[in-house]
Amino acid sequence: MRRRTGLVMAGAVTLAWGEWLNWRWSRTLVGSGGGGTEAVVVLGYRNPQATANVITRWRVRAGIRSIAAADGGRATRLILSGGAPGGGATEARLMADYARSVLNFDGTVLLEEQSGTTWENITNVIPLLEDVDRIKIASQPAHALKARAYLRRQRPDLAERLVRADDYRPGEWLFVKPLLALYGLWTLRGLEAGERGPLL
């Protein structure tokens, strides 16, 4: 009985730790900027098949729910970023197809179809961000934080416009969050030292 109680407690602590770390990452390197226009950048995920995979689909949903509802999203552009890892359709195009045909998204969509890494995602979307007041980056919290750090490194002036995306919700991916937290700790290492580090 004691062993079972100990395992339950350890499991609860592990889940709470994963939840907390993802929550913290979702609120790091963001401000509370205002203004009338915004861009929501959704980062692609290695997707060699012909349709959007589960992670890609979740990122698109997180991006769409990040759009400010005050004006129905009319002043928001959804930027989908990702190249073609397997030589077929680009990640950006697969995400756009999912957003349009499955989620019935009818707002403004821009595609960036050249990137193969997170660093390139940020480099290549910068021209699409110059004229907006708020910038949101949607992905798993650790990955989005890494992308925000890259924007801060490449264009600190644009990084000042970063605000929080709706890519963290309590209980969502609950049992996976400890694994995401461990992987996030690994992939975020070296950022403070100015390294690009491994990419999600």
C-alpha atoms as a PDB file:
ATOM      1  CA  MET A   1       0.000   0.000   0.000  1.00  0.00           C
ATOM      2  CA  ARG A   2       2.822   2.358   0.923  1.00  0.00           C
ATOM      3  CA  ARG A   3       4.591   1.597  -2.344  1.00  0.00           C
ATOM      4  CA  ARG A   4       1.433   2.325  -4.342  1.00  0.00           C
ATOM      5  CA  THR A   5       0.912   5.606  -2.475  1.00  0.00           C
ATOM      6  CA  GLY A   6       4.510   6.561  -3.167  1.00  0.00           C
ATOM      7  CA  LEU A   7       4.117   5.853  -6.866  1.00  0.00           C
ATOM      8  CA  VAL A   8       0.910   7.894  -7.026  1.00  0.00           C
ATOM      9  CA  MET A   9       2.612  10.810  -5.253  1.00  0.00           C
ATOM     10  CA  ALA A  10       5.637  10.599  -7.557  1.00  0.00           C
ATOM     11  CA  GLY A  11       3.360  10.554 -10.585  1.00  0.00           C
ATOM     12  CA  ALA A  12       1.412  13.571  -9.349  1.00  0.00           C
ATOM     13  CA  VAL A  13       4.615  15.514  -8.675  1.00  0.00           C
ATOM     14  CA  THR A  14       5.942  14.637 -12.138  1.00  0.00           C
ATOM     15  CA  LEU A  15       2.726  15.794 -13.824  1.00  0.00           C
ATOM     16  CA  ALA A  16       2.697  19.010 -11.776  1.00  0.00           C
ATOM     17  CA  TRP A  17       6.342  19.682 -12.676  1.00  0.00           C
ATOM     18  CA  GLY A  18       5.671  19.210 -16.389  1.00  0.00           C
ATOM     19  CA  GLU A  19       2.592  21.435 -16.189  1.00  0.00           C
ATOM     20  CA  TRP A  20       4.449  24.195 -14.330  1.00  0.00           C
ATOM     21  CA  LEU A  21       7.475  24.215 -16.612  1.00  0.00           C
ATOM     22  CA  ASN A  22       5.356  24.424 -19.769  1.00  0.00           C
ATOM     23  CA  TRP A  23       3.287  27.205 -18.157  1.00  0.00           C
ATOM     24  CA  ARG A  24       6.446  29.139 -17.302  1.00  0.00           C
ATOM     25  CA  TRP A  25       7.912  28.768 -20.793  1.00  0.00           C
ATOM     26  CA  SER A  26       4.679  30.039 -22.351  1.00  0.00           C
ATOM     27  CA  ARG A  27       5.103  33.294 -20.413  1.00  0.00           C
ATOM     28  CA  THR A  28       8.818  33.890 -21.011  1.00  0.00           C
ATOM     29  CA  LEU A  29      10.120  36.585 -23.389  1.00  0.00           C
ATOM     30  CA  VAL A  30       6.667  38.037 -24.012  1.00  0.00           C
ATOM     31  CA  GLY A  31       5.174  41.420 -23.220  1.00  0.00           C
ATOM     32  CA  SER A  32       1.711  42.903 -23.204  1.00  0.00           C
ATOM     33  CA  GLY A  33       1.947  45.152 -26.226  1.00  0.00           C
ATOM     34  CA  GLY A  34      -1.094  46.753 -27.778  1.00  0.00           C
ATOM     35  CA  GLY A  35      -1.930  47.995 -31.236  1.00  0.00           C
ATOM     36  CA  GLY A  36      -4.384  47.215 -33.948  1.00  0.00           C
ATOM     37  CA  THR A  37      -2.646  44.517 -35.973  1.00  0.00           C
ATOM     38  CA  GLU A  38      -1.108  41.187 -35.108  1.00  0.00           C
ATOM     39  CA  ALA A  39       0.558  38.184 -36.686  1.00  0.00           C
ATOM     40  CA  VAL A  40       0.339  34.644 -35.376  1.00  0.00           C
ATOM     41  CA  VAL A  41       3.274  32.538 -36.534  1.00  0.00           C
ATOM     42  CA  VAL A  42       2.742  28.766 -36.483  1.00  0.00           C
ATOM     43  CA  LEU A  43       5.951  26.763 -36.677  1.00  0.00           C
ATOM     44  CA  GLY A  44       5.999  23.613 -38.755  1.00  0.00           C
ATOM     45  CA  TYR A  45       6.939  20.176 -37.518  1.00  0.00           C
ATOM     46  CA  ARG A  46       8.745  17.451 -39.439  1.00  0.00           C
ATOM     47  CA  ASN A  47       5.862  16.155 -41.534  1.00  0.00           C
ATOM     48  CA  PRO A  48       6.991  13.909 -44.410  1.00  0.00           C
ATOM     49  CA  GLN A  49       3.547  12.432 -45.083  1.00  0.00           C
ATOM     50  CA  ALA A  50       0.888  13.853 -47.377  1.00  0.00           C
ATOM     51  CA  THR A  51      -1.403  15.116 -44.598  1.00  0.00           C
ATOM     52  CA  ALA A  52      -0.826  17.057 -41.397  1.00  0.00           C
ATOM     53  CA  ASN A  53       0.274  14.850 -38.509  1.00  0.00           C
ATOM     54  CA  VAL A  54      -1.019  15.092 -34.934  1.00  0.00           C
ATOM     55  CA  ILE A  55       1.581  17.621 -33.767  1.00  0.00           C
ATOM     56  CA  THR A  56       1.172  19.786 -36.855  1.00  0.00           C
ATOM     57  CA  ARG A  57      -2.610  19.744 -36.449  1.00  0.00           C
ATOM     58  CA  TRP A  58      -2.339  20.770 -32.800  1.00  0.00           C
ATOM     59  CA  ARG A  59       0.004  23.642 -33.648  1.00  0.00           C
ATOM     60  CA  VAL A  60      -2.447  24.953 -36.241  1.00  0.00           C
ATOM     61  CA  ARG A  61      -5.318  24.775 -33.718  1.00  0.00           C
ATOM     62  CA  ALA A  62      -3.176  26.592 -31.143  1.00  0.00           C
ATOM     63  CA  GLY A  63      -2.355  29.261 -33.714  1.00  0.00           C
ATOM     64  CA  ILE A  64      -5.973  29.826 -34.691  1.00  0.00           C
ATOM     65  CA  ARG A  65      -7.173  30.018 -31.098  1.00  0.00           C
ATOM     66  CA  SER A  66      -4.398  32.577 -30.465  1.00  0.00           C
ATOM     67  CA  ILE A  67      -6.040  35.053 -32.827  1.00  0.00           C
ATOM     68  CA  ALA A  68      -7.545  38.001 -30.990  1.00  0.00           C
ATOM     69  CA  ALA A  69     -11.311  37.723 -31.070  1.00  0.00           C
ATOM     70  CA  ALA A  70     -12.081  41.403 -30.563  1.00  0.00           C
ATOM     71  CA  ASP A  71     -12.416  42.124 -34.288  1.00  0.00           C
ATOM     72  CA  GLY A  72     -13.093  38.568 -35.394  1.00  0.00           C
ATOM     73  CA  GLY A  73      -9.444  38.252 -36.347  1.00  0.00           C
ATOM     74  CA  ARG A  74      -9.781  40.601 -39.309  1.00  0.00           C
ATOM     75  CA  ALA A  75      -6.613  42.506 -38.325  1.00  0.00           C
ATOM     76  CA  THR A  76      -4.631  39.291 -37.830  1.00  0.00           C
ATOM     77  CA  ARG A  77      -2.527  37.382 -40.301  1.00  0.00           C
ATOM     78  CA  LEU A  78      -1.857  33.696 -39.730  1.00  0.00           C
ATOM     79  CA  ILE A  79       1.665  32.887 -40.897  1.00  0.00           C
ATOM     80  CA  LEU A  80       2.379  29.200 -41.455  1.00  0.00           C
ATOM     81  CA  SER A  81       6.076  28.422 -41.671  1.00  0.00           C
ATOM     82  CA  GLY A  82       7.840  25.266 -42.819  1.00  0.00           C
ATOM     83  CA  GLY A  83       9.533  23.770 -45.849  1.00  0.00           C
ATOM     84  CA  ALA A  84       9.314  20.321 -47.415  1.00  0.00           C
ATOM     85  CA  PRO A  85      11.351  17.831 -45.345  1.00  0.00           C
ATOM     86  CA  GLY A  86      10.593  14.887 -47.626  1.00  0.00           C
ATOM     87  CA  GLY A  87      10.494  16.728 -50.934  1.00  0.00           C
ATOM     88  CA  GLY A  88       6.684  16.670 -51.197  1.00  0.00           C
ATOM     89  CA  ALA A  89       4.213  19.282 -49.986  1.00  0.00           C
ATOM     90  CA  THR A  90       5.657  21.862 -47.641  1.00  0.00           C
ATOM     91  CA  GLU A  91       4.764  21.881 -43.947  1.00  0.00           C
ATOM     92  CA  ALA A  92       3.273  25.350 -44.463  1.00  0.00           C
ATOM     93  CA  ARG A  93       0.957  24.112 -47.211  1.00  0.00           C
ATOM     94  CA  LEU A  94      -0.155  21.066 -45.206  1.00  0.00           C
ATOM     95  CA  MET A  95      -0.977  23.366 -42.288  1.00  0.00           C
ATOM     96  CA  ALA A  96      -2.878  25.728 -44.584  1.00  0.00           C
ATOM     97  CA  ASP A  97      -4.901  22.866 -46.042  1.00  0.00           C
ATOM     98  CA  TYR A  98      -5.796  21.675 -42.544  1.00  0.00           C
ATOM     99  CA  ALA A  99      -6.716  25.180 -41.391  1.00  0.00           C
ATOM    100  CA  ARG A 100      -8.974  25.774 -44.401  1.00  0.00           C
ATOM    101  CA  SER A 101     -10.563  22.392 -45.055  1.00  0.00           C
ATOM    102  CA  VAL A 102     -10.874  20.969 -41.537  1.00  0.00           C
ATOM    103  CA  LEU A 103     -10.976  23.991 -39.222  1.00  0.00           C
ATOM    104  CA  ASN A 104     -12.826  26.205 -41.732  1.00  0.00           C
ATOM    105  CA  PHE A 105     -10.475  29.110 -41.077  1.00  0.00           C
ATOM    106  CA  ASP A 106     -11.291  31.951 -43.459  1.00  0.00           C
ATOM    107  CA  GLY A 107      -8.902  34.641 -42.248  1.00  0.00           C
ATOM    108  CA  THR A 108      -5.708  35.911 -43.846  1.00  0.00           C
ATOM    109  CA  VAL A 109      -3.106  33.169 -44.322  1.00  0.00           C
ATOM    110  CA  LEU A 110       0.478  33.704 -45.449  1.00  0.00           C
ATOM    111  CA  LEU A 111       2.840  30.833 -46.225  1.00  0.00           C
ATOM    112  CA  GLU A 112       6.591  30.656 -45.671  1.00  0.00           C
ATOM    113  CA  GLU A 113       7.742  27.490 -47.434  1.00  0.00           C
ATOM    114  CA  GLN A 114      11.552  27.550 -47.384  1.00  0.00           C
ATOM    115  CA  SER A 115      12.503  26.847 -43.768  1.00  0.00           C
ATOM    116  CA  GLY A 116      14.114  23.645 -42.605  1.00  0.00           C
ATOM    117  CA  THR A 117      14.988  24.684 -39.041  1.00  0.00           C
ATOM    118  CA  THR A 118      13.535  26.879 -36.313  1.00  0.00           C
ATOM    119  CA  TRP A 119      16.275  29.457 -36.888  1.00  0.00           C
ATOM    120  CA  GLU A 120      15.255  29.610 -40.557  1.00  0.00           C
ATOM    121  CA  ASN A 121      11.555  29.807 -39.603  1.00  0.00           C
ATOM    122  CA  ILE A 122      12.295  33.035 -37.782  1.00  0.00           C
ATOM    123  CA  THR A 123      14.689  34.409 -40.398  1.00  0.00           C
ATOM    124  CA  ASN A 124      12.189  33.815 -43.187  1.00  0.00           C
ATOM    125  CA  VAL A 125       9.062  35.179 -41.489  1.00  0.00           C
ATOM    126  CA  ILE A 126      10.700  38.450 -40.411  1.00  0.00           C
ATOM    127  CA  PRO A 127       9.677  40.288 -43.640  1.00  0.00           C
ATOM    128  CA  LEU A 128       6.057  39.315 -42.862  1.00  0.00           C
ATOM    129  CA  LEU A 129       6.241  40.817 -39.359  1.00  0.00           C
ATOM    130  CA  GLU A 130       7.631  44.269 -40.033  1.00  0.00           C
ATOM    131  CA  ASP A 131       4.315  46.129 -40.079  1.00  0.00           C
ATOM    132  CA  VAL A 132       2.356  44.452 -37.261  1.00  0.00           C
ATOM    133  CA  ASP A 133       1.923  45.675 -33.694  1.00  0.00           C
ATOM    134  CA  ARG A 134       1.807  42.304 -31.925  1.00  0.00           C
ATOM    135  CA  ILE A 135       3.574  39.043 -32.712  1.00  0.00           C
ATOM    136  CA  LYS A 136       2.558  35.635 -31.377  1.00  0.00           C
ATOM    137  CA  ILE A 137       4.496  32.434 -31.966  1.00  0.00           C
ATOM    138  CA  ALA A 138       2.515  29.222 -31.575  1.00  0.00           C
ATOM    139  CA  SER A 139       4.062  25.827 -30.947  1.00  0.00           C
ATOM    140  CA  GLN A 140       4.780  23.612 -27.952  1.00  0.00           C
ATOM    141  CA  PRO A 141       5.863  26.060 -25.192  1.00  0.00           C
ATOM    142  CA  ALA A 142       9.578  25.157 -25.193  1.00  0.00           C
ATOM    143  CA  HIS A 143       9.746  25.341 -28.991  1.00  0.00           C
ATOM    144  CA  ALA A 144       7.882  28.656 -29.090  1.00  0.00           C
ATOM    145  CA  LEU A 145      10.240  30.041 -26.425  1.00  0.00           C
ATOM    146  CA  LYS A 146      13.233  29.008 -28.500  1.00  0.00           C
ATOM    147  CA  ALA A 147      11.744  30.753 -31.532  1.00  0.00           C
ATOM    148  CA  ARG A 148      11.107  33.913 -29.469  1.00  0.00           C
ATOM    149  CA  ALA A 149      14.730  33.832 -28.312  1.00  0.00           C
ATOM    150  CA  TYR A 150      15.825  33.537 -31.944  1.00  0.00           C
ATOM    151  CA  LEU A 151      13.691  36.545 -32.910  1.00  0.00           C
ATOM    152  CA  ARG A 152      15.213  38.475 -30.021  1.00  0.00           C
ATOM    153  CA  ARG A 153      18.668  37.596 -31.325  1.00  0.00           C
ATOM    154  CA  GLN A 154      17.927  38.385 -34.971  1.00  0.00           C
ATOM    155  CA  ARG A 155      15.622  41.397 -34.579  1.00  0.00           C
ATOM    156  CA  PRO A 156      15.404  42.769 -31.016  1.00  0.00           C
ATOM    157  CA  ASP A 157      13.123  45.567 -32.228  1.00  0.00           C
ATOM    158  CA  LEU A 158      10.523  43.071 -33.440  1.00  0.00           C
ATOM    159  CA  ALA A 159      10.977  40.918 -30.322  1.00  0.00           C
ATOM    160  CA  GLU A 160       9.658  43.832 -28.274  1.00  0.00           C
ATOM    161  CA  ARG A 161       6.289  43.228 -29.980  1.00  0.00           C
ATOM    162  CA  LEU A 162       6.030  39.609 -28.806  1.00  0.00           C
ATOM    163  CA  VAL A 163       2.933  38.707 -26.806  1.00  0.00           C
ATOM    164  CA  ARG A 164       1.733  35.373 -25.492  1.00  0.00           C
ATOM    165  CA  ALA A 165       0.069  32.885 -27.837  1.00  0.00           C
ATOM    166  CA  ASP A 166      -2.640  30.515 -26.631  1.00  0.00           C
ATOM    167  CA  ASP A 167      -0.353  27.481 -26.870  1.00  0.00           C
ATOM    168  CA  TYR A 168      -0.527  26.543 -23.199  1.00  0.00           C
ATOM    169  CA  ARG A 169      -3.710  25.383 -21.505  1.00  0.00           C
ATOM    170  CA  PRO A 170      -3.866  23.628 -18.126  1.00  0.00           C
ATOM    171  CA  GLY A 171      -4.384  19.897 -18.514  1.00  0.00           C
ATOM    172  CA  GLU A 172      -3.849  19.850 -22.279  1.00  0.00           C
ATOM    173  CA  TRP A 173      -1.313  17.145 -23.200  1.00  0.00           C
ATOM    174  CA  LEU A 174      -1.192  16.477 -19.442  1.00  0.00           C
ATOM    175  CA  PHE A 175       0.531  13.092 -19.538  1.00  0.00           C
ATOM    176  CA  VAL A 176       2.939  14.165 -22.277  1.00  0.00           C
ATOM    177  CA  LYS A 177       4.005  17.434 -20.623  1.00  0.00           C
ATOM    178  CA  PRO A 178       6.703  15.854 -18.425  1.00  0.00           C
ATOM    179  CA  LEU A 179       8.326  14.425 -21.572  1.00  0.00           C
ATOM    180  CA  LEU A 180       7.943  17.771 -23.342  1.00  0.00           C
ATOM    181  CA  ALA A 181       9.525  19.421 -20.310  1.00  0.00           C
ATOM    182  CA  LEU A 182      12.524  17.075 -20.353  1.00  0.00           C
ATOM    183  CA  TYR A 183      13.002  17.550 -24.079  1.00  0.00           C
ATOM    184  CA  GLY A 184      12.531  21.287 -23.673  1.00  0.00           C
ATOM    185  CA  LEU A 185      15.256  21.475 -21.031  1.00  0.00           C
ATOM    186  CA  TRP A 186      17.572  19.657 -23.411  1.00  0.00           C
ATOM    187  CA  THR A 187      16.773  21.709 -26.482  1.00  0.00           C
ATOM    188  CA  LEU A 188      16.826  25.082 -24.701  1.00  0.00           C
ATOM    189  CA  ARG A 189      20.281  24.551 -23.267  1.00  0.00           C
ATOM    190  CA  GLY A 190      22.908  26.894 -24.646  1.00  0.00           C
ATOM    191  CA  LEU A 191      20.512  29.711 -25.517  1.00  0.00           C
ATOM    192  CA  GLU A 192      21.908  32.002 -22.838  1.00  0.00           C
ATOM    193  CA  ALA A 193      25.414  31.293 -24.073  1.00  0.00           C
ATOM    194  CA  GLY A 194      24.416  32.517 -27.521  1.00  0.00           C
ATOM    195  CA  GLU A 195      24.355  29.124 -29.208  1.00  0.00           C
ATOM    196  CA  ARG A 196      21.721  28.078 -31.726  1.00  0.00           C
ATOM    197  CA  GLY A 197      21.567  24.636 -30.173  1.00  0.00           C
ATOM    198  CA  PRO A 198      19.599  21.613 -31.408  1.00  0.00           C
ATOM    199  CA  LEU A 199      16.288  22.356 -33.008  1.00  0.00           C
ATOM    200  CA  LEU A 200      12.849  20.970 -32.272  1.00  0.00           C
END
